[in-house]
Amino acid sequence: MKDVEAVGKRPGMYIGSTEDISALQEMAFALVANAINESLAGYCSHIDVVFNPDGSATVRDDGRGLPVDLDPMKKASKAELIMTSSTAAGWFEQYPESTDLLDGASAFVVNALSAWLTLHIWRDGRVHFMRFREGHPEAPLQAVGSSNGKRGTEIEFLPDPGIFTVTRFHMEALEHRLRNLAGLNARVTIILEDRRGKSSKKAEINL
């Protein structure tokens, strides 16, 4: 897990300043960008982004789901390698027909800079689950039930307060950045929801 530890030691090299809102925005945008790229490849039509009362964020899509098969060389699931290794940091390079058009931090960096992160994958008729703490897996990826026809990936994460000075997501900042992507022809609907107040706020973005 040397890659995870390297990010934790020098987060500014991967995600910018950890002393203002930009780094948190980059973490959320990185996961949304992965899902948008999946949409550009023709496999995702809906993305949910939720800012939760406990300070965490959830990004969920209805794409193909991260690959869950075992890497024969690494003896770990490909999903685990994507979340823990800089050499497999984006899931779109797992698919030859996909094109990664949006630059930014990767899911691997988001995991490395999170106090905890949970991963749900709906793929191949099963729902798979994995949990990480400070970038490290608590247990291997496990199939925990039927997908019931659902597909996609859900990542929930809490930015590490030991790394970030600012730990509160700014919904409007992310909304503004995503609206600037208009014209991508991704044909995807993004729903942003802020559940941190007395009443939730929602915004819909169609690309």
Foldseek 3Di string as FASTA:
>chain_A
DVVLVVCLVPVCVAQNDLADQRSVLQLQVQVVLLQLLLLQLPFWAEWEWEQDQVLKIKIKIQGQWAFQDADVVVRAGLVLCCQADPVNVGRQVVPPSTDRPDDGHGNNSSLQQFQKKKKWFQHPQFIWIWIDGNSHTPDGIDTDGGSVPTGIMMMMTFGDVVRHNDRHHDQVVSVVVVLVPPPPPSNHKYWYWYPNDPDIDIDIDGD
